[in-house]
Protein backbone atom coordinates (compact mmCIF):
# COMPACT_ATOMS: atom_id res chain seq x y z
CA MET A 1 0.00 0.00 0.00
CA LYS A 2 1.36 3.40 -0.97
CA ILE A 3 1.06 6.13 1.68
CA PRO A 4 1.83 9.76 0.69
CA PHE A 5 4.92 11.07 2.53
CA ALA A 6 3.10 14.16 3.81
CA ARG A 7 0.39 12.01 5.46
CA LEU A 8 2.83 9.50 6.92
CA LEU A 9 4.97 12.03 8.78
CA PRO A 10 2.40 13.24 11.36
CA VAL A 11 1.58 9.63 12.27
CA CYS A 12 5.25 8.82 12.80
CA PHE A 13 5.71 11.91 14.95
CA LEU A 14 2.80 11.07 17.23
CA LEU A 15 4.01 7.49 17.67
CA THR A 16 7.30 8.78 19.09
CA LEU A 17 5.65 10.90 21.81
CA PRO A 18 4.86 8.22 24.45
CA VAL A 19 8.42 6.92 24.34
CA THR A 20 10.41 10.15 24.29
CA ALA A 21 8.23 12.69 26.12
CA VAL A 22 9.26 11.63 29.63
CA ALA A 23 11.18 14.86 30.32
CA ALA A 24 9.50 16.93 27.65
CA GLU A 25 8.31 20.52 27.79
CA ILE A 26 4.99 20.78 25.95
CA SER A 27 3.33 23.92 24.61
CA VAL A 28 -0.11 24.02 22.97
CA ASP A 29 -1.48 26.96 20.99
CA SER A 30 -5.16 26.79 20.02
CA THR A 31 -7.39 29.42 18.41
CA THR A 32 -11.03 28.89 17.44
CA LEU A 33 -12.64 31.45 15.11
CA ILE A 34 -16.29 31.74 14.12
CA ARG A 35 -16.76 34.52 11.58
CA PHE A 36 -20.08 36.14 10.72
CA GLU A 37 -20.25 38.11 7.49
CA GLN A 38 -23.11 39.46 5.42
CA ARG A 39 -22.39 40.72 1.93
CA ASP A 40 -24.70 42.83 -0.18
CA VAL A 41 -23.10 43.07 -3.63
CA THR A 42 -24.62 45.40 -6.17
CA GLY A 43 -26.67 43.30 -8.60
CA SER A 44 -26.59 40.15 -6.44
CA SER A 45 -28.56 38.72 -3.55
CA LYS A 46 -27.32 38.95 0.02
CA GLN A 47 -25.01 36.19 1.23
CA ASN A 48 -24.34 35.05 4.80
CA TYR A 49 -20.99 33.48 5.66
CA VAL A 50 -20.39 31.69 8.97
CA PRO A 51 -17.13 29.71 8.65
CA ALA A 52 -15.79 28.05 11.81
CA THR A 53 -12.00 27.71 11.76
CA GLN A 54 -9.73 25.90 14.20
CA PHE A 55 -5.99 26.58 14.40
CA LEU A 56 -3.91 24.16 16.50
CA GLY A 57 -0.20 24.13 17.25
CA LEU A 58 1.97 21.81 19.34
CA ASP A 59 5.61 22.22 20.39
CA VAL A 60 7.39 19.51 22.37
CA ASP A 61 10.95 20.32 23.48
CA LYS A 62 13.67 18.33 25.29
CA LEU A 63 12.81 14.95 23.83
CA ALA A 64 15.23 11.99 23.91
CA ASP A 65 18.59 13.38 25.11
CA GLY A 66 17.12 16.89 25.43
CA ASN A 67 18.20 18.11 22.00
CA LEU A 68 15.26 16.70 20.02
CA SER A 69 12.01 18.63 19.54
CA LEU A 70 8.69 18.17 17.74
CA HIS A 71 6.67 20.95 16.10
CA LEU A 72 3.18 20.64 14.57
CA TYR A 73 0.70 23.21 13.24
CA GLY A 74 -2.45 22.94 11.17
CA TRP A 75 -5.96 24.27 10.67
CA GLY A 76 -9.43 23.22 9.60
CA ARG A 77 -12.58 25.08 8.44
CA TYR A 78 -16.27 24.20 8.24
CA ASP A 79 -18.99 26.46 6.81
CA LEU A 80 -22.12 26.79 8.95
CA ALA A 81 -23.98 28.81 6.29
CA ASP A 82 -23.15 29.77 2.66
CA LYS A 83 -19.92 28.40 1.24
CA SER A 84 -17.19 30.89 2.06
CA TYR A 85 -14.36 29.60 -0.14
CA ASN A 86 -14.66 28.06 -3.60
CA ASN A 87 -17.45 25.45 -3.52
CA ASP A 88 -16.15 23.48 -0.55
CA VAL A 89 -18.13 23.27 2.69
CA ALA A 90 -15.00 22.23 4.59
CA GLY A 91 -11.29 22.70 4.18
CA GLY A 92 -8.02 22.60 6.04
CA GLY A 93 -4.30 22.40 5.84
CA PHE A 94 -1.26 20.85 7.49
CA THR A 95 1.03 23.89 7.74
CA TYR A 96 4.11 22.24 9.20
CA GLY A 97 5.14 19.21 11.20
CA TYR A 98 8.73 18.21 11.76
CA LEU A 99 11.28 16.77 14.14
CA GLN A 100 14.35 18.91 14.83
CA TYR A 101 17.62 17.86 16.43
CA ARG A 102 20.04 20.53 17.63
CA PHE A 103 23.65 19.44 17.94
CA LYS A 104 25.74 20.72 20.83
CA ASN A 105 28.49 22.04 18.57
CA ALA A 106 28.83 24.31 15.52
CA ASN A 107 25.28 25.69 15.87
CA ALA A 108 24.15 22.71 13.80
CA ASP A 109 20.65 21.28 13.45
CA ILE A 110 18.73 18.87 11.25
CA ARG A 111 14.99 18.82 10.49
CA ALA A 112 12.79 16.13 8.97
CA GLY A 113 9.15 16.52 7.98
CA ARG A 114 7.15 19.42 6.56
CA PHE A 115 8.77 22.77 7.26
CA PHE A 116 9.54 26.22 5.86
CA VAL A 117 12.97 27.21 4.58
CA HIS A 118 14.05 30.85 4.88
CA GLU A 119 17.66 30.99 3.76
CA GLY A 120 18.91 33.99 1.80
CA ILE A 121 16.65 34.34 -1.26
CA VAL A 122 14.99 30.97 -0.57
CA ASN A 123 11.46 30.97 0.89
CA GLU A 124 9.96 27.53 0.40
CA GLN A 125 7.72 24.94 2.03
CA VAL A 126 8.99 21.39 1.66
CA ASP A 127 8.31 17.79 2.73
CA GLY A 128 11.81 16.51 3.32
CA VAL A 129 15.05 17.06 5.23
CA SER A 130 17.21 20.10 5.94
CA PHE A 131 20.60 20.55 7.60
CA ARG A 132 22.70 23.55 8.59
CA THR A 133 25.98 24.07 10.43
CA ASP A 134 28.71 26.61 11.04
CA LEU A 135 32.15 25.91 9.60
CA PRO A 136 35.61 27.14 10.64
CA LEU A 137 36.89 30.62 9.71
CA GLY A 138 33.41 32.19 9.72
CA PHE A 139 31.86 30.06 7.00
CA GLY A 140 28.55 28.23 7.17
CA VAL A 141 26.39 26.02 4.99
CA SER A 142 22.81 24.80 4.84
CA ALA A 143 20.95 22.47 2.49
CA PHE A 144 17.45 21.05 2.04
CA GLY A 145 15.63 18.69 -0.26
CA GLY A 146 12.42 16.73 -0.61
CA ALA A 147 8.97 16.76 -2.12
CA THR A 148 7.07 19.89 -3.11
CA VAL A 149 4.09 20.80 -0.95
CA HIS A 150 1.27 20.91 -3.47
CA THR A 151 -1.89 23.02 -3.18
CA LYS A 152 -5.26 22.47 -4.85
CA HIS A 153 -5.39 22.05 -8.59
CA LEU A 154 -6.02 25.22 -10.55
CA TYR A 155 -9.38 25.60 -12.27
CA GLY A 156 -9.61 23.32 -15.27
CA GLU A 157 -6.23 21.73 -14.57
CA ASN A 158 -4.86 18.55 -13.02
CA SER A 159 -2.04 20.37 -11.29
CA ASP A 160 -1.16 23.40 -9.19
CA GLY A 161 1.68 24.21 -11.58
CA LYS A 162 4.51 23.02 -9.32
CA GLY A 163 7.12 20.36 -9.94
CA ASP A 164 7.22 17.26 -7.75
CA GLY A 165 10.52 17.85 -5.93
CA LEU A 166 12.88 20.61 -4.94
CA PHE A 167 16.24 21.12 -3.31
CA GLY A 168 18.59 23.98 -2.54
CA GLY A 169 20.71 25.62 0.09
CA ARG A 170 22.90 28.51 1.14
CA ALA A 171 26.60 29.11 1.77
CA ASN A 172 27.58 32.09 3.91
CA TYR A 173 30.55 33.93 5.34
CA ARG A 174 30.42 35.95 8.58
CA TYR A 175 33.06 38.41 9.76
CA LYS A 176 33.27 39.59 13.39
CA GLY A 177 29.57 40.20 13.89
CA MET A 178 29.60 43.08 11.40
CA LEU A 179 29.28 41.41 7.99
CA GLU A 180 27.52 38.41 6.54
CA LEU A 181 27.48 37.46 2.87
CA GLY A 182 25.42 34.63 1.44
CA LEU A 183 24.89 32.74 -1.81
CA SER A 184 21.73 30.65 -2.10
CA GLY A 185 19.56 28.90 -4.62
CA VAL A 186 16.57 26.64 -5.15
CA TYR A 187 15.87 24.11 -7.90
CA GLU A 188 12.36 22.72 -8.39
CA GLY A 189 11.43 19.81 -10.63
CA THR A 190 10.14 20.49 -14.14
CA ALA A 191 6.79 22.26 -14.06
CA PRO A 192 3.88 20.29 -15.59
CA LYS A 193 2.33 21.47 -18.82
CA MET A 194 -0.99 23.23 -18.34
CA VAL A 195 -3.98 23.81 -20.61
CA ASN A 196 -5.30 27.18 -19.50
CA PHE A 197 -2.26 28.67 -17.76
CA THR A 198 1.30 29.56 -18.66
CA ASN A 199 4.03 28.80 -16.17
CA GLY A 200 7.72 28.08 -16.01
CA THR A 201 9.95 25.89 -13.89
CA HIS A 202 10.98 27.37 -10.55
CA HIS A 203 14.76 27.87 -10.51
CA GLN A 204 16.38 30.76 -8.65
CA VAL A 205 19.82 31.80 -7.42
CA GLY A 206 21.03 34.92 -5.68
CA GLY A 207 23.08 36.67 -3.05
CA ASP A 208 22.30 38.44 0.20
CA ILE A 209 24.14 40.79 2.53
CA TRP A 210 23.97 42.06 6.11
CA PHE A 211 26.43 44.80 7.01
CA SER A 212 26.66 46.77 10.26
CA PRO A 213 30.06 48.45 10.71
CA HIS A 214 28.66 50.54 13.58
CA ARG A 215 25.62 50.28 15.85
CA MET A 216 24.19 53.36 14.08
CA VAL A 217 24.36 51.79 10.60
CA GLU A 218 22.73 48.63 9.23
CA LEU A 219 22.37 47.50 5.60
CA MET A 220 20.55 44.34 4.52
CA GLY A 221 19.12 43.00 1.31
CA HIS A 222 19.29 40.51 -1.53
CA THR A 223 19.36 40.15 -5.30
CA SER A 224 17.86 37.12 -7.06
CA TYR A 225 18.42 35.82 -10.60
CA ASN A 226 16.24 33.50 -12.69
CA PRO A 227 18.39 31.11 -14.79
CA VAL A 228 15.32 29.95 -16.74
CA THR A 229 14.65 33.41 -18.17
CA ASN A 230 18.30 34.51 -17.89
CA GLY A 231 17.27 37.69 -16.10
CA VAL A 232 17.35 39.41 -12.74
CA ALA A 233 14.17 38.69 -10.78
CA GLU A 234 14.39 41.07 -7.83
CA HIS A 235 16.48 43.60 -5.91
CA SER A 236 15.42 44.35 -2.32
CA TYR A 237 17.50 46.45 0.11
CA LEU A 238 16.97 48.25 3.41
CA LEU A 239 19.26 50.81 5.08
CA ASN A 240 18.75 51.79 8.73
CA LEU A 241 20.51 54.77 10.30
CA LYS A 242 20.30 55.81 13.95
CA PRO A 243 22.20 59.10 14.33
CA LEU A 244 20.41 59.85 17.63
CA SER A 245 19.05 57.53 20.31
CA ASN A 246 15.46 58.63 19.59
CA LEU A 247 15.77 59.06 15.82
CA THR A 248 15.67 56.28 13.21
CA LEU A 249 16.08 56.89 9.49
CA SER A 250 15.36 54.15 6.96
CA GLY A 251 15.70 53.91 3.21
CA THR A 252 14.31 51.17 0.96
CA PHE A 253 14.92 50.11 -2.62
CA ASN A 254 12.89 47.38 -4.35
CA GLU A 255 12.81 46.36 -7.99
CA GLN A 256 10.99 43.48 -9.65
CA HIS A 257 11.19 42.24 -13.23
CA ALA A 258 7.82 40.61 -13.90
CA GLY A 259 8.95 38.07 -16.49
CA SER A 260 11.61 36.61 -14.20
CA PHE A 261 9.98 37.21 -10.81
CA PHE A 262 6.58 35.67 -11.68
CA ASN A 263 7.82 33.14 -14.23
CA SER A 264 6.78 30.11 -12.15
CA SER A 265 3.45 31.52 -10.94
CA PRO A 266 0.52 30.40 -13.15
CA LEU A 267 -1.93 32.72 -11.39
CA PHE A 268 0.10 35.88 -12.06
CA THR A 269 0.89 34.97 -15.66
CA LYS A 270 -2.85 34.41 -16.28
CA MET A 271 -3.82 37.92 -15.13
CA PRO A 272 -5.02 40.17 -17.99
CA THR A 273 -2.67 42.93 -16.82
CA PHE A 274 0.41 40.67 -16.72
CA ASN A 275 3.20 41.76 -19.00
CA PRO A 276 6.48 39.79 -18.83
CA THR A 277 8.43 42.88 -19.89
CA ASP A 278 6.92 45.06 -17.14
CA ASN A 279 9.34 46.29 -14.48
CA SER A 280 8.34 47.86 -11.18
CA ARG A 281 10.49 49.85 -8.77
CA SER A 282 9.98 51.61 -5.47
CA ILE A 283 12.29 53.93 -3.55
CA GLY A 284 11.29 55.08 -0.09
CA ALA A 285 12.39 56.83 3.08
CA ILE A 286 11.04 56.75 6.65
CA ALA A 287 11.95 59.02 9.57
CA SER A 288 10.77 58.04 13.05
CA TYR A 289 11.35 60.11 16.19
CA ARG A 290 10.42 59.15 19.76
CA ILE A 291 9.57 62.41 21.52
CA SER A 292 9.24 60.60 24.84
CA LYS A 293 8.39 57.16 26.17
CA LEU A 294 4.76 58.03 25.49
CA VAL A 295 4.79 59.66 22.04
CA GLU A 296 6.35 58.72 18.71
CA VAL A 297 5.96 60.46 15.35
CA SER A 298 7.00 59.28 11.91
CA THR A 299 6.83 60.45 8.35
CA ASP A 300 7.39 58.47 5.18
CA TYR A 301 7.63 58.84 1.42
CA LYS A 302 7.73 56.24 -1.35
CA HIS A 303 7.95 56.62 -5.12
CA TYR A 304 6.59 53.80 -7.30
CA SER A 305 7.45 53.46 -10.96
CA ARG A 306 6.04 50.95 -13.43
CA ASP A 307 6.04 50.77 -17.19
CA ILE A 308 2.30 51.59 -17.12
CA GLY A 309 2.55 54.56 -14.74
CA ASN A 310 4.05 56.19 -11.65
CA ALA A 311 2.84 57.03 -8.15
CA ASP A 312 3.96 58.80 -4.98
CA ARG A 313 2.75 57.94 -1.48
CA TYR A 314 3.53 60.14 1.49
CA GLY A 315 2.16 60.91 4.91
CA ALA A 316 2.70 60.80 8.67
CA ASP A 317 1.72 58.79 11.76
CA LEU A 318 1.38 59.62 15.44
CA LYS A 319 1.55 56.90 18.12
CA VAL A 320 0.71 57.37 21.79
CA SER A 321 1.21 54.95 24.69
CA LEU A 322 -0.27 55.57 28.15
CA LEU A 323 -0.93 53.74 31.44
CA LYS A 324 2.26 51.65 31.28
CA ASN A 325 1.52 50.64 27.68
CA SER A 326 -1.96 49.35 28.57
CA PHE A 327 -3.46 52.03 26.33
CA ARG A 328 -2.12 52.52 22.81
CA SER A 329 -3.51 54.81 20.14
CA GLY A 330 -2.54 56.22 16.79
CA LEU A 331 -3.49 58.60 13.99
CA GLY A 332 -2.32 58.45 10.41
CA TYR A 333 -2.74 60.26 7.10
CA HIS A 334 -1.34 59.29 3.71
CA TYR A 335 -1.97 60.38 0.14
CA LEU A 336 -1.34 58.33 -2.99
CA ASN A 337 -0.86 60.51 -6.04
CA ALA A 338 -0.88 58.16 -9.01
CA ASP A 339 -1.10 58.26 -12.77
CA GLN A 340 -4.45 57.00 -14.04
CA GLY A 341 -2.80 53.98 -15.64
CA PHE A 342 -1.04 52.98 -12.41
CA ALA A 343 -4.04 51.09 -10.95
CA VAL A 344 -4.25 47.34 -11.57
CA ILE A 345 -7.90 47.64 -12.55
CA ASP A 346 -9.35 50.19 -14.91
CA THR A 347 -10.95 52.86 -12.71
CA SER A 348 -11.57 56.57 -13.02
CA SER A 349 -9.34 57.25 -10.01
CA SER A 350 -5.94 55.92 -9.02
CA SER A 351 -5.29 58.64 -6.41
CA TYR A 352 -6.80 58.70 -2.93
CA HIS A 353 -6.46 60.00 0.64
CA GLU A 354 -6.03 57.45 3.43
CA LEU A 355 -7.13 58.28 6.99
CA ARG A 356 -6.76 55.93 9.95
CA CYS A 357 -7.41 56.11 13.68
CA TYR A 358 -7.12 53.31 16.23
CA ALA A 359 -7.07 52.73 19.98
CA LEU A 360 -6.35 49.63 22.09
CA TYR A 361 -6.76 49.05 25.81
CA ASP A 362 -5.56 45.88 27.54
CA THR A 363 -5.84 44.84 31.20
CA LYS A 364 -5.47 41.55 33.06
CA THR A 365 -9.25 41.15 32.91
CA TYR A 366 -10.40 42.45 29.54
CA PHE A 367 -9.14 44.06 26.33
CA THR A 368 -10.82 46.21 23.72
CA SER A 369 -9.97 48.07 20.52
CA LEU A 370 -11.45 50.33 17.84
CA ASP A 371 -10.01 50.81 14.36
CA VAL A 372 -11.41 53.11 11.65
CA ILE A 373 -9.94 53.47 8.16
CA ASP A 374 -11.24 55.60 5.29
CA TYR A 375 -10.12 55.90 1.66
CA ILE A 376 -11.32 59.08 -0.07
CA PHE A 377 -10.97 58.86 -3.85
CA LYS A 378 -9.81 61.80 -5.90
CA ASN A 379 -12.45 60.86 -8.47
CA LYS A 380 -15.48 58.65 -7.91
CA VAL A 381 -15.12 54.89 -8.34
CA LYS A 382 -18.35 53.18 -9.45
CA ASN A 383 -20.15 56.36 -8.38
CA GLU A 384 -18.72 56.11 -4.84
CA LYS A 385 -16.58 58.85 -3.26
CA SER A 386 -14.93 56.67 -0.64
CA ALA A 387 -14.45 53.26 0.93
CA TRP A 388 -14.44 52.98 4.72
CA GLU A 389 -14.61 50.40 7.48
CA ALA A 390 -14.88 50.51 11.30
CA THR A 391 -13.94 47.53 13.47
CA ALA A 392 -14.61 47.17 17.20
CA SER A 393 -13.27 44.37 19.38
CA LEU A 394 -13.93 43.26 22.96
CA GLY A 395 -12.29 40.38 24.81
CA TYR A 396 -12.11 38.80 28.25
CA HIS A 397 -9.27 36.84 29.89
CA ILE A 398 -11.13 33.85 31.36
CA THR A 399 -7.83 32.52 32.73
CA PRO A 400 -4.21 33.60 32.07
CA ALA A 401 -4.12 30.96 29.31
CA LEU A 402 -7.68 31.23 27.94
CA ALA A 403 -9.30 34.28 26.34
CA ALA A 404 -12.59 34.86 24.54
CA SER A 405 -13.14 37.83 22.25
CA GLY A 406 -15.38 39.13 19.52
CA ASP A 407 -15.05 41.57 16.61
CA ILE A 408 -17.69 43.40 14.62
CA SER A 409 -17.09 45.58 11.59
CA TYR A 410 -19.19 47.59 9.20
CA GLY A 411 -18.23 49.38 6.04
CA ARG A 412 -19.15 50.60 2.57
CA ASN A 413 -17.12 50.52 -0.66
CA PRO A 414 -17.64 50.54 -4.43
CA ASP A 415 -18.15 46.75 -4.54
CA PHE A 416 -20.32 46.29 -1.44
CA VAL A 417 -23.26 48.60 -0.68
CA ASP A 418 -23.14 47.35 2.91
CA GLU A 419 -20.59 44.98 4.41
CA THR A 420 -21.12 43.68 7.94
CA ARG A 421 -18.80 41.14 9.50
CA GLY A 422 -18.57 39.53 12.91
CA LEU A 423 -16.04 37.25 14.56
CA ILE A 424 -16.02 35.18 17.75
CA ARG A 425 -12.56 34.04 18.88
CA LEU A 426 -11.45 31.59 21.56
CA THR A 427 -7.68 31.47 22.21
CA TYR A 428 -5.91 28.96 24.42
CA ASN A 429 -2.16 28.95 25.17
CA MET A 430 -0.77 26.27 27.45
CA SER A 431 2.69 25.02 28.35
CA PHE A 432 3.93 22.67 31.04
CA LYS A 433 6.97 20.63 31.98
CA SER A 434 7.12 17.03 33.09
CA LYS A 435 7.75 18.20 36.65
CA GLY A 436 4.30 19.76 36.72
CA ASP A 437 5.40 23.38 36.34
CA LYS A 438 3.05 25.60 34.30
C-alpha cells in the first residue's frame, strides 16, 4: 500500500511521543474562530458566511537526550452557512510538522518533515530534510531537499503548476559580527504542462548581505536571478541609520522584473494585466522620532514606478502609549498621487487620501480596541466617493491561558453597498513541563 509522505509524517511523529516525552516541555497553541459576514453586492442577492476555523499548534521540546524537539501546526474550516471559499463546505491544511535535532556544537541542526525554509533568497515549504551548520573561519552552509508541498489544482487543470521535488541551500561567510554574505539557490522539478495557464519551472539563485560596521548603521538586502529566463528577478534592500538615540532613518529600494519574478506563478501569468516585460520599482524613506516614552511620530515617502505609470505615497503617523503601555492609540494620514494607468484595474481614479485612527486598551481582565480606516478617492469609483470600514473588538481573559473575544465591523465601498462582519474568537495557550510546572 502506498502512503503519501506528507500524510505519513504526522503519524510517525505522534508514535514517538509516548516513548520520548518523559522529560519533555509541551506547549499548545489553540485558536477557534467563528466569523459572521453578510455581503450585499450590487446586482446580487445577500449572502451570509459563517465559517468556523480551528488553528492548532503543538511544540514539544527536550525529547530523547534533550536536544530533540517536535513541532506541529495545522488548521481546519467548516462552513455553517453559505460556502465561504470556492465550492467546498469544509477545508483545512497541514502547515508544518517536523522533528528537529540541535547538535551541541557548531550551531548545527537537522529537520525532517514538513517545514519552511528561509535561507537567503529561498522561501519555500517542503516535505523533506534540511541541515545547517557553522564551519571554521566564519563560514557556514545549509541544504534542504524533498517533495514539493502541493496546493489544490487550478481551475480546469490537473495540477497546481509546481514540480514534484525541490532542493537547494545557502553558503555564507560571517566576519566579526559586522558582515555576513550569502549565496543561495533553489531548484524545483520540471513544471507540468498546463492547458489554461502559462508557467515556467521554478529555478532561482542569488546573493544576500547584512552589514553593520557601527551600531548606528545597518544595511541588509538581496538580489535574485532566474536562470530559466536569464534575467534578474528582484532587488530588495533596506538601510537603517540611527544618528540619535530617539531618531531612526530608513531607506528602501525594491525592484521586480515581472517576467523573471513571476515566471513560475501560473496565477500571475494568467492575469489580464500581466506583461512579462513590465518592471516595477519603489524607492522610499522613513523618519521616526520618539519624543518621549509616550509619544512617537513618523513620516514616510515612497515613489513607485512601473512601465504603465508612476505614483507617490507620502504621509505621517502619530503613536501614543499611556498607562504603562496598557493604552495605545494612533493617527495616520497618507496620500497616494498616481497616474491613471497605475491602478491594476481600470478605474476613473488611481489617487486617494487614506485616513486611519485606532485605539487599544488591555488589562489583566479584559481588552478592547477600535479601528477606523477611510479611503477618499480623488475621483469617484463606481459612483462612490470613498471606501471605509470601522472595526470594534472586545475580549475577556477567562484565565491567564484562555481568552474569549469578539469583533464586529461595518463598512461601505464601491463593490459592497453594505458589508457587515462579525467574529467570535477563543484562544488557548498552554505550556507545562514534566515536573508539573506551568
